[in-house]
N, C-alpha and C. Protein backbone atom coordinates (compact mmCIF):
# COMPACT_ATOMS: atom_id res chain seq x y z
N MET A 1 11.36 -6.63 13.68
CA MET A 1 11.92 -6.30 12.39
C MET A 1 13.08 -5.33 12.58
N VAL A 2 14.17 -5.57 11.89
CA VAL A 2 15.35 -4.72 11.94
C VAL A 2 15.18 -3.59 10.92
N LYS A 3 15.39 -2.37 11.38
CA LYS A 3 15.30 -1.21 10.50
C LYS A 3 16.70 -0.82 10.04
N VAL A 4 16.85 -0.68 8.72
CA VAL A 4 18.16 -0.47 8.10
C VAL A 4 18.22 0.91 7.46
N GLY A 5 19.38 1.56 7.61
CA GLY A 5 19.69 2.79 6.89
C GLY A 5 20.87 2.53 5.98
N ILE A 6 20.87 3.15 4.82
CA ILE A 6 21.96 2.98 3.85
C ILE A 6 22.65 4.32 3.66
N ASN A 7 23.96 4.36 3.92
CA ASN A 7 24.74 5.56 3.65
C ASN A 7 25.50 5.34 2.35
N GLY A 8 25.08 6.02 1.30
CA GLY A 8 25.67 5.86 -0.03
C GLY A 8 24.75 5.01 -0.89
N PHE A 9 24.14 5.62 -1.90
CA PHE A 9 23.16 4.91 -2.71
C PHE A 9 23.68 4.70 -4.13
N GLY A 10 24.96 4.28 -4.21
CA GLY A 10 25.54 3.88 -5.49
C GLY A 10 25.15 2.44 -5.78
N ARG A 11 25.95 1.75 -6.56
CA ARG A 11 25.63 0.37 -6.95
C ARG A 11 25.39 -0.52 -5.73
N ILE A 12 26.27 -0.46 -4.73
CA ILE A 12 26.12 -1.33 -3.56
C ILE A 12 24.88 -0.95 -2.76
N GLY A 13 24.69 0.31 -2.49
CA GLY A 13 23.52 0.74 -1.73
C GLY A 13 22.21 0.36 -2.40
N ARG A 14 22.14 0.55 -3.71
CA ARG A 14 20.91 0.17 -4.44
C ARG A 14 20.70 -1.33 -4.42
N ASN A 15 21.78 -2.10 -4.53
CA ASN A 15 21.64 -3.56 -4.48
C ASN A 15 21.22 -4.05 -3.10
N VAL A 16 21.66 -3.37 -2.05
CA VAL A 16 21.19 -3.71 -0.70
C VAL A 16 19.68 -3.52 -0.63
N LEU A 17 19.19 -2.39 -1.14
CA LEU A 17 17.75 -2.14 -1.11
C LEU A 17 17.00 -3.17 -1.95
N ARG A 18 17.50 -3.48 -3.13
CA ARG A 18 16.85 -4.50 -3.97
C ARG A 18 16.80 -5.85 -3.25
N ALA A 19 17.88 -6.20 -2.57
CA ALA A 19 17.92 -7.48 -1.84
C ALA A 19 16.93 -7.50 -0.68
N ALA A 20 16.65 -6.33 -0.12
CA ALA A 20 15.74 -6.24 1.02
C ALA A 20 14.26 -6.37 0.63
N LEU A 21 13.96 -6.14 -0.63
CA LEU A 21 12.56 -6.18 -1.07
C LEU A 21 11.96 -7.56 -0.82
N GLY A 22 10.79 -7.58 -0.27
CA GLY A 22 10.10 -8.84 -0.03
C GLY A 22 10.51 -9.58 1.22
N ARG A 23 11.47 -9.07 1.94
CA ARG A 23 11.91 -9.71 3.19
C ARG A 23 11.07 -9.18 4.34
N SER A 24 10.79 -10.05 5.28
CA SER A 24 10.00 -9.63 6.43
C SER A 24 10.86 -9.40 7.68
N ASP A 25 12.15 -9.78 7.62
CA ASP A 25 13.00 -9.66 8.81
C ASP A 25 13.72 -8.33 8.91
N PHE A 26 13.85 -7.60 7.81
CA PHE A 26 14.41 -6.25 7.88
C PHE A 26 13.82 -5.37 6.79
N GLN A 27 13.88 -4.07 7.05
CA GLN A 27 13.28 -3.10 6.17
C GLN A 27 14.17 -1.86 6.08
N VAL A 28 14.44 -1.41 4.87
CA VAL A 28 15.19 -0.17 4.68
C VAL A 28 14.24 0.99 4.94
N VAL A 29 14.60 1.83 5.90
CA VAL A 29 13.73 2.96 6.27
C VAL A 29 14.35 4.31 5.93
N ALA A 30 15.67 4.33 5.60
CA ALA A 30 16.32 5.61 5.30
C ALA A 30 17.54 5.41 4.42
N ILE A 31 17.81 6.43 3.64
CA ILE A 31 18.98 6.47 2.75
C ILE A 31 19.64 7.82 2.95
N ASN A 32 20.97 7.84 2.96
CA ASN A 32 21.69 9.10 2.93
C ASN A 32 22.52 9.13 1.66
N ASP A 33 22.32 10.15 0.84
CA ASP A 33 23.08 10.32 -0.39
C ASP A 33 23.00 11.78 -0.78
N LEU A 34 24.02 12.29 -1.42
CA LEU A 34 24.05 13.70 -1.81
C LEU A 34 23.22 14.00 -3.05
N THR A 35 22.77 12.96 -3.73
CA THR A 35 21.95 13.12 -4.93
C THR A 35 20.49 13.35 -4.54
N ASP A 36 19.76 14.09 -5.36
CA ASP A 36 18.35 14.38 -5.06
C ASP A 36 17.47 13.13 -5.20
N SER A 37 16.32 13.16 -4.56
CA SER A 37 15.40 12.02 -4.53
C SER A 37 14.94 11.58 -5.91
N LYS A 38 14.71 12.53 -6.80
CA LYS A 38 14.25 12.19 -8.15
C LYS A 38 15.28 11.35 -8.90
N THR A 39 16.54 11.73 -8.80
CA THR A 39 17.61 10.96 -9.45
C THR A 39 17.78 9.60 -8.79
N LEU A 40 17.72 9.56 -7.46
CA LEU A 40 17.83 8.28 -6.75
C LEU A 40 16.73 7.33 -7.17
N ALA A 41 15.51 7.84 -7.32
CA ALA A 41 14.37 7.00 -7.74
C ALA A 41 14.62 6.43 -9.13
N HIS A 42 15.10 7.26 -10.04
CA HIS A 42 15.38 6.80 -11.41
C HIS A 42 16.47 5.72 -11.42
N LEU A 43 17.55 5.96 -10.67
CA LEU A 43 18.65 5.00 -10.63
C LEU A 43 18.22 3.67 -10.02
N LEU A 44 17.33 3.71 -9.04
CA LEU A 44 16.82 2.47 -8.44
C LEU A 44 15.90 1.73 -9.40
N LYS A 45 15.03 2.45 -10.06
CA LYS A 45 14.05 1.83 -10.96
C LYS A 45 14.71 1.21 -12.18
N TYR A 46 15.68 1.91 -12.77
CA TYR A 46 16.29 1.47 -14.03
C TYR A 46 17.77 1.20 -13.83
N ASP A 47 18.11 -0.07 -13.68
CA ASP A 47 19.50 -0.46 -13.44
C ASP A 47 20.04 -1.19 -14.66
N SER A 48 21.21 -0.79 -15.14
CA SER A 48 21.76 -1.36 -16.36
C SER A 48 22.14 -2.83 -16.22
N LEU A 49 22.42 -3.29 -15.01
CA LEU A 49 22.75 -4.71 -14.80
C LEU A 49 21.58 -5.53 -14.30
N SER A 50 20.82 -5.00 -13.35
CA SER A 50 19.72 -5.75 -12.75
C SER A 50 18.41 -5.60 -13.51
N GLY A 51 18.33 -4.62 -14.39
CA GLY A 51 17.11 -4.40 -15.15
C GLY A 51 16.16 -3.47 -14.42
N THR A 52 14.95 -3.38 -14.96
CA THR A 52 13.94 -2.50 -14.38
C THR A 52 13.33 -3.14 -13.15
N LEU A 53 13.24 -2.39 -12.08
CA LEU A 53 12.66 -2.87 -10.83
C LEU A 53 11.15 -3.00 -11.00
N ALA A 54 10.60 -4.14 -10.60
CA ALA A 54 9.16 -4.38 -10.75
C ALA A 54 8.33 -3.49 -9.83
N ALA A 55 8.86 -3.11 -8.70
CA ALA A 55 8.13 -2.28 -7.74
C ALA A 55 7.95 -0.86 -8.29
N SER A 56 6.90 -0.19 -7.84
CA SER A 56 6.74 1.21 -8.22
C SER A 56 7.70 2.06 -7.37
N VAL A 57 8.34 3.02 -8.01
CA VAL A 57 9.29 3.89 -7.33
C VAL A 57 8.93 5.33 -7.68
N GLU A 58 8.70 6.13 -6.65
CA GLU A 58 8.38 7.54 -6.85
C GLU A 58 9.27 8.38 -5.94
N ALA A 59 9.55 9.59 -6.39
CA ALA A 59 10.34 10.52 -5.58
C ALA A 59 9.41 11.53 -4.95
N GLY A 60 9.64 11.78 -3.67
CA GLY A 60 8.92 12.84 -2.96
C GLY A 60 9.94 13.77 -2.35
N GLU A 61 9.48 14.74 -1.60
CA GLU A 61 10.40 15.64 -0.94
C GLU A 61 11.05 14.91 0.24
N ASN A 62 12.36 14.73 0.15
CA ASN A 62 13.14 14.02 1.17
C ASN A 62 12.68 12.59 1.41
N GLN A 63 12.14 11.96 0.36
CA GLN A 63 11.76 10.56 0.51
C GLN A 63 11.61 9.88 -0.85
N LEU A 64 11.71 8.57 -0.82
CA LEU A 64 11.33 7.73 -1.94
C LEU A 64 10.08 6.98 -1.49
N LEU A 65 9.19 6.72 -2.43
CA LEU A 65 8.04 5.87 -2.17
C LEU A 65 8.24 4.59 -2.96
N LEU A 66 8.40 3.50 -2.27
CA LEU A 66 8.65 2.20 -2.89
C LEU A 66 7.41 1.35 -2.66
N ASP A 67 6.63 1.15 -3.73
CA ASP A 67 5.31 0.50 -3.62
C ASP A 67 4.46 1.20 -2.56
N GLY A 68 4.56 2.52 -2.51
CA GLY A 68 3.77 3.32 -1.58
C GLY A 68 4.35 3.45 -0.19
N ARG A 69 5.41 2.71 0.11
CA ARG A 69 6.03 2.75 1.44
C ARG A 69 7.14 3.80 1.44
N PRO A 70 7.08 4.76 2.38
CA PRO A 70 8.10 5.82 2.38
C PRO A 70 9.45 5.36 2.91
N ILE A 71 10.50 5.83 2.26
CA ILE A 71 11.88 5.66 2.72
C ILE A 71 12.46 7.06 2.81
N HIS A 72 12.83 7.47 4.01
CA HIS A 72 13.34 8.83 4.21
C HIS A 72 14.69 9.00 3.51
N VAL A 73 14.91 10.14 2.88
CA VAL A 73 16.18 10.44 2.21
C VAL A 73 16.83 11.64 2.91
N PHE A 74 18.02 11.39 3.46
CA PHE A 74 18.85 12.45 4.03
C PHE A 74 19.88 12.85 2.99
N SER A 75 20.44 14.02 3.12
CA SER A 75 21.48 14.49 2.20
C SER A 75 22.58 15.17 3.00
N GLU A 76 23.26 14.37 3.80
CA GLU A 76 24.32 14.88 4.68
C GLU A 76 25.69 14.43 4.20
N ARG A 77 26.60 15.36 4.06
CA ARG A 77 27.97 15.02 3.67
C ARG A 77 28.73 14.40 4.84
N ASP A 78 28.47 14.88 6.04
CA ASP A 78 29.14 14.40 7.26
C ASP A 78 28.32 13.25 7.85
N PRO A 79 28.88 12.04 7.93
CA PRO A 79 28.10 10.91 8.46
C PRO A 79 27.66 11.12 9.91
N GLY A 80 28.37 11.93 10.66
CA GLY A 80 27.98 12.21 12.03
C GLY A 80 26.75 13.10 12.14
N ALA A 81 26.35 13.71 11.04
CA ALA A 81 25.18 14.59 11.04
C ALA A 81 23.90 13.89 10.59
N ILE A 82 23.99 12.62 10.25
CA ILE A 82 22.81 11.89 9.79
C ILE A 82 22.00 11.45 11.01
N PRO A 83 20.77 11.90 11.14
CA PRO A 83 19.97 11.56 12.33
C PRO A 83 19.24 10.21 12.18
N TRP A 84 20.01 9.14 12.16
CA TRP A 84 19.42 7.80 12.00
C TRP A 84 18.37 7.51 13.06
N ASN A 85 18.62 7.99 14.28
CA ASN A 85 17.68 7.70 15.36
C ASN A 85 16.31 8.33 15.14
N SER A 86 16.22 9.36 14.31
CA SER A 86 14.93 10.02 14.06
C SER A 86 13.97 9.13 13.27
N VAL A 87 14.50 8.11 12.60
CA VAL A 87 13.66 7.17 11.85
C VAL A 87 13.79 5.75 12.38
N GLY A 88 14.45 5.60 13.53
CA GLY A 88 14.52 4.31 14.20
C GLY A 88 15.48 3.30 13.59
N VAL A 89 16.53 3.76 12.92
CA VAL A 89 17.48 2.84 12.28
C VAL A 89 18.24 2.03 13.34
N ASP A 90 18.28 0.71 13.13
CA ASP A 90 19.05 -0.20 13.98
C ASP A 90 20.45 -0.42 13.42
N ILE A 91 20.51 -0.69 12.11
CA ILE A 91 21.78 -1.01 11.44
C ILE A 91 21.98 -0.09 10.26
N VAL A 92 23.19 0.47 10.14
CA VAL A 92 23.55 1.28 8.98
C VAL A 92 24.47 0.46 8.09
N ILE A 93 24.15 0.42 6.81
CA ILE A 93 25.05 -0.15 5.80
C ILE A 93 25.87 1.02 5.28
N GLU A 94 27.16 1.02 5.57
CA GLU A 94 28.06 2.09 5.12
C GLU A 94 28.56 1.69 3.73
N ALA A 95 27.96 2.29 2.70
CA ALA A 95 28.22 1.89 1.32
C ALA A 95 28.84 3.00 0.48
N THR A 96 29.41 4.02 1.11
CA THR A 96 30.01 5.10 0.33
C THR A 96 31.39 4.73 -0.19
N GLY A 97 32.08 3.84 0.51
CA GLY A 97 33.46 3.52 0.16
C GLY A 97 34.46 4.47 0.78
N PHE A 98 33.98 5.52 1.45
CA PHE A 98 34.87 6.52 2.05
C PHE A 98 35.16 6.27 3.53
N PHE A 99 34.18 5.80 4.25
CA PHE A 99 34.29 5.66 5.71
C PHE A 99 34.49 4.18 6.04
N THR A 100 35.74 3.73 5.89
CA THR A 100 36.01 2.29 5.92
C THR A 100 36.76 1.80 7.15
N ASP A 101 36.99 2.66 8.11
CA ASP A 101 37.60 2.14 9.34
C ASP A 101 36.69 2.45 10.52
N LYS A 102 36.99 1.83 11.64
CA LYS A 102 36.11 1.91 12.80
C LYS A 102 35.87 3.34 13.26
N SER A 103 36.92 4.14 13.35
CA SER A 103 36.76 5.50 13.87
C SER A 103 35.87 6.35 12.96
N GLN A 104 35.93 6.10 11.66
CA GLN A 104 35.08 6.86 10.73
C GLN A 104 33.64 6.37 10.76
N ALA A 105 33.46 5.06 10.79
CA ALA A 105 32.12 4.48 10.69
C ALA A 105 31.34 4.54 11.99
N GLU A 106 32.03 4.55 13.12
CA GLU A 106 31.30 4.49 14.39
C GLU A 106 30.51 5.76 14.70
N VAL A 107 30.73 6.84 13.94
CA VAL A 107 29.92 8.04 14.17
C VAL A 107 28.45 7.79 13.86
N HIS A 108 28.16 6.79 13.03
CA HIS A 108 26.76 6.42 12.78
C HIS A 108 26.10 5.96 14.09
N ILE A 109 26.92 5.42 14.99
CA ILE A 109 26.44 4.95 16.29
C ILE A 109 26.50 6.08 17.32
N THR A 110 27.69 6.67 17.47
CA THR A 110 27.91 7.64 18.55
C THR A 110 27.16 8.96 18.34
N LYS A 111 27.01 9.38 17.09
CA LYS A 111 26.33 10.65 16.81
C LYS A 111 24.96 10.45 16.17
N GLY A 112 24.84 9.43 15.33
CA GLY A 112 23.58 9.24 14.59
C GLY A 112 22.54 8.41 15.31
N GLY A 113 22.98 7.60 16.28
CA GLY A 113 22.03 6.82 17.06
C GLY A 113 21.74 5.42 16.57
N ALA A 114 22.46 4.95 15.54
CA ALA A 114 22.28 3.56 15.10
C ALA A 114 22.90 2.62 16.13
N LYS A 115 22.52 1.35 16.06
CA LYS A 115 23.06 0.36 17.01
C LYS A 115 24.28 -0.37 16.46
N ARG A 116 24.32 -0.55 15.15
CA ARG A 116 25.41 -1.28 14.49
C ARG A 116 25.70 -0.64 13.14
N VAL A 117 26.91 -0.92 12.63
CA VAL A 117 27.30 -0.48 11.29
C VAL A 117 27.93 -1.66 10.57
N ILE A 118 27.54 -1.84 9.32
CA ILE A 118 28.18 -2.82 8.45
C ILE A 118 28.88 -2.04 7.36
N ILE A 119 30.20 -2.20 7.26
CA ILE A 119 30.98 -1.50 6.23
C ILE A 119 31.03 -2.41 5.01
N SER A 120 30.58 -1.90 3.86
CA SER A 120 30.51 -2.73 2.66
C SER A 120 31.86 -2.87 1.96
N ALA A 121 32.77 -1.95 2.21
CA ALA A 121 34.09 -2.00 1.58
C ALA A 121 35.09 -2.66 2.52
N ARG A 122 36.19 -3.07 1.97
CA ARG A 122 37.24 -3.64 2.79
C ARG A 122 37.83 -2.54 3.68
N PRO A 123 37.89 -2.78 4.99
CA PRO A 123 38.44 -1.74 5.87
C PRO A 123 39.93 -1.54 5.65
N ARG A 124 40.39 -0.33 5.87
CA ARG A 124 41.82 -0.03 5.72
C ARG A 124 42.64 -0.69 6.82
N THR A 125 42.02 -0.86 7.99
CA THR A 125 42.70 -1.49 9.12
C THR A 125 41.81 -2.59 9.68
N THR A 126 42.42 -3.54 10.37
CA THR A 126 41.65 -4.58 11.02
C THR A 126 41.05 -4.00 12.29
N THR A 127 39.74 -4.16 12.44
CA THR A 127 39.07 -3.59 13.59
C THR A 127 38.11 -4.61 14.19
N SER A 128 37.68 -4.29 15.38
CA SER A 128 36.65 -5.12 16.00
C SER A 128 35.30 -4.74 15.40
N PRO A 129 34.31 -5.61 15.53
CA PRO A 129 32.99 -5.35 14.93
C PRO A 129 32.35 -4.08 15.48
N LEU A 130 31.59 -3.44 14.61
CA LEU A 130 30.79 -2.29 15.02
C LEU A 130 29.40 -2.80 15.20
């Protein structure tokens, strides 16, 4: 199973998590966002476009509980400071919209310990895959 981390839990980040529900090939294990866990839980549960999420969503200290399964929540402004390797993240979904080129996004690999990065926004420059 591929373990996924999401950097940025806005519309795109929340939709990535919703899309992951019920899949057996990958699992979201961590989120990085500057917003507190309680607000993140509310935004995930009640979406103005997708509707109310059927799964139970609870906020804990530095985590969300999604149907009782913990998802670690980091709150790092600097993407190089996110310890993805501490929760075994294989792939980071870069969904902030800020870190859109290779040099910015690769810190998830070089400093955070992830194996790959998928940038959700259009990159500013053409780059090779991360």
